[in-house]
């Protein structure tokens, strides 16, 4: 549950204005590591290009994840239902469905 609670806390910062780090372009970020990655866009030194259609990425991991669209690779599989994903984060979300009794939440009533 701690893993899920920490993700919820991080997500809530988006709605409560709890973003701590701002770039010079005024784009806000929840944590410093996201800001650091974003700054590469402004520096423009590290650029990774998709060979299929020349789409540009500023992080190698984003290019790698994108290339899975072209290869069809889905290297992350759910042990409960067998559904496969090309991103580990999507698998994590799926696993939560199997481990937590989730009730629908009315977002508007929470605002």
N, C-alpha and C. Protein backbone atom coordinates (compact mmCIF):
# COMPACT_ATOMS: atom_id res chain seq x y z
N UNK A 1 0.81 -1.20 0.00
CA UNK A 1 0.00 0.00 0.00
C UNK A 1 0.86 1.27 0.00
N UNK A 2 2.03 1.22 0.60
CA UNK A 2 2.88 2.41 0.68
C UNK A 2 3.22 2.91 -0.71
N UNK A 3 3.53 1.99 -1.63
CA UNK A 3 3.87 2.36 -2.99
C UNK A 3 2.71 3.12 -3.65
N UNK A 4 1.51 2.62 -3.44
CA UNK A 4 0.32 3.25 -4.01
C UNK A 4 0.08 4.61 -3.37
N UNK A 5 0.24 4.71 -2.04
CA UNK A 5 0.01 5.97 -1.33
C UNK A 5 1.01 7.03 -1.79
N UNK A 6 2.27 6.65 -1.99
CA UNK A 6 3.26 7.64 -2.43
C UNK A 6 2.93 8.17 -3.82
N UNK A 7 2.41 7.29 -4.70
CA UNK A 7 2.00 7.75 -6.03
C UNK A 7 0.82 8.70 -5.93
N UNK A 8 -0.11 8.40 -5.04
CA UNK A 8 -1.27 9.26 -4.84
C UNK A 8 -0.84 10.63 -4.32
N UNK A 9 0.07 10.64 -3.35
CA UNK A 9 0.56 11.90 -2.79
C UNK A 9 1.21 12.75 -3.87
N UNK A 10 2.04 12.11 -4.71
CA UNK A 10 2.70 12.83 -5.80
C UNK A 10 1.67 13.38 -6.79
N UNK A 11 0.66 12.56 -7.10
CA UNK A 11 -0.38 12.99 -8.03
C UNK A 11 -1.19 14.16 -7.47
N UNK A 12 -1.48 14.12 -6.19
CA UNK A 12 -2.28 15.18 -5.57
C UNK A 12 -1.59 16.55 -5.66
N UNK A 13 -0.27 16.56 -5.70
CA UNK A 13 0.47 17.82 -5.83
C UNK A 13 0.09 18.56 -7.10
N UNK A 14 -0.30 17.82 -8.14
CA UNK A 14 -0.71 18.44 -9.39
C UNK A 14 -1.93 19.32 -9.16
N UNK A 15 -2.86 18.82 -8.35
CA UNK A 15 -4.13 19.52 -8.14
C UNK A 15 -4.06 20.58 -7.04
N UNK A 16 -3.13 20.43 -6.12
CA UNK A 16 -3.05 21.35 -4.99
C UNK A 16 -2.03 22.46 -5.20
N UNK A 17 -1.37 22.44 -6.34
CA UNK A 17 -0.37 23.47 -6.61
C UNK A 17 0.92 23.21 -5.87
N UNK A 18 1.16 21.98 -5.47
CA UNK A 18 2.34 21.64 -4.70
C UNK A 18 3.58 21.39 -5.54
N UNK A 19 3.59 21.84 -6.76
CA UNK A 19 4.77 21.65 -7.60
C UNK A 19 5.88 22.55 -7.09
N UNK A 20 7.04 21.99 -6.88
CA UNK A 20 8.14 22.67 -6.22
C UNK A 20 9.15 23.31 -7.15
N UNK A 21 9.35 22.74 -8.33
CA UNK A 21 10.45 23.16 -9.19
C UNK A 21 9.92 23.80 -10.46
N UNK A 22 10.47 24.95 -10.82
CA UNK A 22 10.06 25.63 -12.04
C UNK A 22 11.25 25.83 -12.96
N UNK A 23 10.99 25.64 -14.25
CA UNK A 23 12.00 25.89 -15.26
C UNK A 23 11.96 27.37 -15.63
N UNK A 24 13.01 27.82 -16.31
CA UNK A 24 13.04 29.22 -16.75
C UNK A 24 11.90 29.52 -17.73
N UNK A 25 11.35 28.48 -18.38
CA UNK A 25 10.22 28.67 -19.29
C UNK A 25 8.89 28.66 -18.52
N UNK A 26 9.00 28.61 -17.20
CA UNK A 26 7.86 28.67 -16.28
C UNK A 26 7.04 27.38 -16.21
N UNK A 27 7.52 26.31 -16.81
CA UNK A 27 6.83 25.03 -16.71
C UNK A 27 7.15 24.43 -15.34
N UNK A 28 6.12 24.08 -14.56
CA UNK A 28 6.35 23.54 -13.21
C UNK A 28 6.55 22.02 -13.21
N UNK A 29 7.32 21.54 -12.25
CA UNK A 29 7.58 20.11 -12.10
C UNK A 29 7.44 19.71 -10.64
N UNK A 30 6.99 18.48 -10.43
CA UNK A 30 6.78 17.98 -9.08
C UNK A 30 8.10 17.73 -8.38
N UNK A 31 9.09 17.25 -9.12
CA UNK A 31 10.37 16.98 -8.47
C UNK A 31 11.54 17.44 -9.35
N UNK A 32 12.69 17.53 -8.72
CA UNK A 32 13.87 18.08 -9.37
C UNK A 32 14.36 17.20 -10.52
N UNK A 33 14.21 15.87 -10.41
CA UNK A 33 14.69 15.01 -11.48
C UNK A 33 13.93 15.23 -12.78
N UNK A 34 12.62 15.50 -12.68
CA UNK A 34 11.84 15.79 -13.88
C UNK A 34 12.27 17.12 -14.49
N UNK A 35 12.56 18.09 -13.62
CA UNK A 35 13.04 19.39 -14.09
C UNK A 35 14.38 19.23 -14.82
N UNK A 36 15.28 18.46 -14.24
CA UNK A 36 16.59 18.23 -14.84
C UNK A 36 16.46 17.61 -16.23
N UNK A 37 15.59 16.62 -16.36
CA UNK A 37 15.36 15.99 -17.67
C UNK A 37 14.78 17.00 -18.65
N UNK A 38 13.86 17.81 -18.19
CA UNK A 38 13.22 18.81 -19.05
C UNK A 38 14.23 19.84 -19.57
N UNK A 39 15.19 20.22 -18.74
CA UNK A 39 16.16 21.24 -19.13
C UNK A 39 16.96 20.84 -20.37
N UNK A 40 17.09 19.55 -20.64
CA UNK A 40 17.81 19.09 -21.83
C UNK A 40 17.14 19.61 -23.10
N UNK A 41 15.84 19.87 -23.04
CA UNK A 41 15.13 20.41 -24.20
C UNK A 41 15.70 21.77 -24.57
N UNK A 42 15.97 22.58 -23.55
CA UNK A 42 16.48 23.92 -23.80
C UNK A 42 17.95 23.92 -24.23
N UNK A 43 18.71 22.99 -23.69
CA UNK A 43 20.13 22.90 -24.03
C UNK A 43 20.30 22.35 -25.44
N UNK A 44 19.50 21.35 -25.77
CA UNK A 44 19.50 20.79 -27.12
C UNK A 44 20.70 19.96 -27.47
N UNK A 45 21.52 19.59 -26.50
CA UNK A 45 22.73 18.83 -26.80
C UNK A 45 22.42 17.36 -27.07
N UNK A 46 21.58 16.76 -26.23
CA UNK A 46 21.28 15.35 -26.37
C UNK A 46 19.97 15.19 -27.14
N UNK A 47 20.08 14.70 -28.35
CA UNK A 47 18.90 14.48 -29.16
C UNK A 47 18.95 13.06 -29.70
N UNK A 48 17.86 12.34 -29.55
CA UNK A 48 17.74 10.96 -30.04
C UNK A 48 16.63 10.94 -31.08
N UNK A 49 16.90 10.34 -32.25
CA UNK A 49 15.96 10.39 -33.36
C UNK A 49 15.50 8.99 -33.73
N UNK A 50 14.18 8.86 -33.94
CA UNK A 50 13.61 7.60 -34.40
C UNK A 50 13.97 7.39 -35.86
N UNK A 51 14.50 6.22 -36.19
CA UNK A 51 14.90 5.93 -37.57
C UNK A 51 13.71 5.77 -38.51
N UNK A 52 12.56 5.42 -37.95
CA UNK A 52 11.37 5.16 -38.77
C UNK A 52 10.80 6.44 -39.38
N UNK A 53 10.67 7.51 -38.56
CA UNK A 53 10.04 8.72 -39.06
C UNK A 53 10.64 10.00 -38.49
N UNK A 54 11.87 9.91 -38.01
CA UNK A 54 12.67 11.06 -37.57
C UNK A 54 12.05 11.86 -36.43
N UNK A 55 11.22 11.23 -35.61
CA UNK A 55 10.70 11.91 -34.42
C UNK A 55 11.84 12.10 -33.43
N UNK A 56 11.89 13.27 -32.78
CA UNK A 56 12.99 13.62 -31.88
C UNK A 56 12.60 13.37 -30.43
N UNK A 57 13.55 12.81 -29.67
CA UNK A 57 13.39 12.59 -28.23
C UNK A 57 14.60 13.17 -27.52
N UNK A 58 14.39 13.66 -26.33
CA UNK A 58 15.47 14.25 -25.56
C UNK A 58 16.04 13.29 -24.52
N UNK A 59 15.39 12.14 -24.36
CA UNK A 59 15.90 11.12 -23.45
C UNK A 59 15.96 9.79 -24.21
N UNK A 60 17.05 9.09 -24.05
CA UNK A 60 17.22 7.82 -24.76
C UNK A 60 16.15 6.82 -24.36
N UNK A 61 15.77 6.83 -23.09
CA UNK A 61 14.74 5.89 -22.62
C UNK A 61 13.40 6.14 -23.32
N UNK A 62 13.10 7.41 -23.63
CA UNK A 62 11.86 7.72 -24.35
C UNK A 62 11.91 7.20 -25.78
N UNK A 63 13.06 7.29 -26.42
CA UNK A 63 13.22 6.74 -27.77
C UNK A 63 13.06 5.23 -27.73
N UNK A 64 13.70 4.59 -26.76
CA UNK A 64 13.61 3.14 -26.64
C UNK A 64 12.15 2.70 -26.47
N UNK A 65 11.42 3.39 -25.60
CA UNK A 65 10.02 3.07 -25.37
C UNK A 65 9.21 3.31 -26.65
N UNK A 66 9.49 4.38 -27.36
CA UNK A 66 8.79 4.70 -28.60
C UNK A 66 9.05 3.62 -29.66
N UNK A 67 10.28 3.15 -29.76
CA UNK A 67 10.63 2.16 -30.78
C UNK A 67 9.85 0.87 -30.61
N UNK A 68 9.37 0.61 -29.42
CA UNK A 68 8.56 -0.60 -29.18
C UNK A 68 7.25 -0.55 -29.96
N UNK A 69 6.79 0.65 -30.31
CA UNK A 69 5.60 0.78 -31.14
C UNK A 69 5.87 0.16 -32.50
N UNK A 70 7.06 0.42 -33.04
CA UNK A 70 7.42 -0.09 -34.37
C UNK A 70 7.72 -1.59 -34.34
N UNK A 71 8.34 -2.06 -33.27
CA UNK A 71 8.71 -3.47 -33.20
C UNK A 71 7.59 -4.36 -32.68
N UNK A 72 6.61 -3.74 -32.00
CA UNK A 72 5.51 -4.51 -31.43
C UNK A 72 5.89 -5.18 -30.11
N UNK A 73 7.08 -4.88 -29.63
CA UNK A 73 7.55 -5.49 -28.38
C UNK A 73 6.69 -5.06 -27.20
N UNK A 74 6.26 -6.03 -26.44
CA UNK A 74 5.52 -5.77 -25.20
C UNK A 74 6.17 -6.65 -24.14
N UNK A 75 7.23 -6.16 -23.57
CA UNK A 75 8.06 -6.96 -22.68
C UNK A 75 7.60 -7.05 -21.24
N UNK A 76 6.47 -6.46 -20.92
CA UNK A 76 5.99 -6.48 -19.54
C UNK A 76 4.63 -7.15 -19.50
N UNK A 77 4.59 -8.33 -18.85
CA UNK A 77 3.35 -9.10 -18.80
C UNK A 77 2.80 -9.25 -17.39
N UNK A 78 1.47 -9.16 -17.28
CA UNK A 78 0.79 -9.31 -16.00
C UNK A 78 0.72 -10.80 -15.65
N UNK A 79 1.15 -11.15 -14.45
CA UNK A 79 1.14 -12.55 -14.02
C UNK A 79 -0.26 -13.03 -13.68
N UNK A 80 -1.18 -12.11 -13.43
CA UNK A 80 -2.55 -12.47 -13.07
C UNK A 80 -3.40 -12.79 -14.30
N UNK A 81 -3.38 -11.91 -15.30
CA UNK A 81 -4.29 -12.07 -16.43
C UNK A 81 -3.58 -12.29 -17.77
N UNK A 82 -2.26 -12.12 -17.80
CA UNK A 82 -1.50 -12.36 -19.01
C UNK A 82 -1.46 -11.19 -19.99
N UNK A 83 -2.14 -10.09 -19.69
CA UNK A 83 -2.12 -8.93 -20.58
C UNK A 83 -0.70 -8.37 -20.62
N UNK A 84 -0.26 -7.93 -21.81
CA UNK A 84 1.10 -7.44 -21.97
C UNK A 84 1.10 -5.94 -22.30
N UNK A 85 2.22 -5.30 -21.95
CA UNK A 85 2.36 -3.86 -22.12
C UNK A 85 3.75 -3.53 -22.61
N UNK A 86 3.89 -2.39 -23.28
CA UNK A 86 5.21 -1.95 -23.74
C UNK A 86 5.89 -1.04 -22.73
N UNK A 87 5.16 -0.63 -21.67
CA UNK A 87 5.74 0.20 -20.62
C UNK A 87 5.54 -0.47 -19.27
N UNK A 88 6.57 -0.43 -18.45
CA UNK A 88 6.48 -1.02 -17.12
C UNK A 88 5.44 -0.30 -16.26
N UNK A 89 5.33 1.02 -16.43
CA UNK A 89 4.36 1.78 -15.64
C UNK A 89 2.92 1.35 -15.94
N UNK A 90 2.64 0.98 -17.18
CA UNK A 90 1.30 0.50 -17.52
C UNK A 90 1.02 -0.84 -16.87
N UNK A 91 2.04 -1.68 -16.79
CA UNK A 91 1.90 -2.96 -16.10
C UNK A 91 1.63 -2.73 -14.61
N UNK A 92 2.35 -1.79 -14.02
CA UNK A 92 2.15 -1.50 -12.60
C UNK A 92 0.72 -1.08 -12.33
N UNK A 93 0.17 -0.25 -13.19
CA UNK A 93 -1.22 0.15 -13.05
C UNK A 93 -2.16 -1.02 -13.15
N UNK A 94 -1.87 -1.94 -14.04
CA UNK A 94 -2.70 -3.13 -14.22
C UNK A 94 -2.64 -4.02 -12.98
N UNK A 95 -1.45 -4.17 -12.41
CA UNK A 95 -1.29 -5.02 -11.22
C UNK A 95 -2.07 -4.47 -10.04
N UNK A 96 -2.20 -3.15 -9.96
CA UNK A 96 -2.96 -2.54 -8.88
C UNK A 96 -4.42 -2.99 -8.96
N UNK A 97 -4.94 -3.11 -10.16
CA UNK A 97 -6.32 -3.54 -10.34
C UNK A 97 -6.54 -4.91 -9.70
N UNK A 98 -5.55 -5.78 -9.81
CA UNK A 98 -5.68 -7.13 -9.27
C UNK A 98 -5.48 -7.20 -7.76
N UNK A 99 -4.80 -6.22 -7.17
CA UNK A 99 -4.45 -6.31 -5.76
C UNK A 99 -5.26 -5.40 -4.85
N UNK A 100 -5.98 -4.44 -5.41
CA UNK A 100 -6.69 -3.47 -4.59
C UNK A 100 -8.17 -3.46 -4.97
N UNK A 101 -9.02 -3.45 -3.97
CA UNK A 101 -10.44 -3.27 -4.24
C UNK A 101 -10.66 -1.79 -4.51
N UNK A 102 -10.82 -1.47 -5.78
CA UNK A 102 -10.96 -0.06 -6.16
C UNK A 102 -12.43 0.27 -6.33
N UNK A 103 -12.84 1.35 -5.68
CA UNK A 103 -14.20 1.83 -5.84
C UNK A 103 -14.17 3.07 -6.69
N UNK A 104 -15.20 3.29 -7.50
CA UNK A 104 -15.22 4.50 -8.33
C UNK A 104 -15.22 5.77 -7.44
N UNK A 105 -14.49 6.77 -7.90
CA UNK A 105 -14.40 8.03 -7.16
C UNK A 105 -14.97 9.13 -8.03
N UNK A 106 -15.84 9.95 -7.44
CA UNK A 106 -16.38 11.10 -8.14
C UNK A 106 -15.41 12.25 -7.93
N UNK A 107 -14.65 12.57 -8.96
CA UNK A 107 -13.60 13.60 -8.85
C UNK A 107 -14.19 14.96 -8.53
N UNK A 108 -15.33 15.29 -9.12
CA UNK A 108 -15.93 16.61 -8.89
C UNK A 108 -16.30 16.82 -7.43
N UNK A 109 -16.71 15.77 -6.73
CA UNK A 109 -17.06 15.94 -5.32
C UNK A 109 -15.85 16.16 -4.44
N UNK A 110 -14.65 15.86 -4.96
CA UNK A 110 -13.42 16.01 -4.20
C UNK A 110 -12.85 17.41 -4.33
N UNK A 111 -13.33 18.20 -5.28
CA UNK A 111 -12.77 19.53 -5.53
C UNK A 111 -13.35 20.56 -4.59
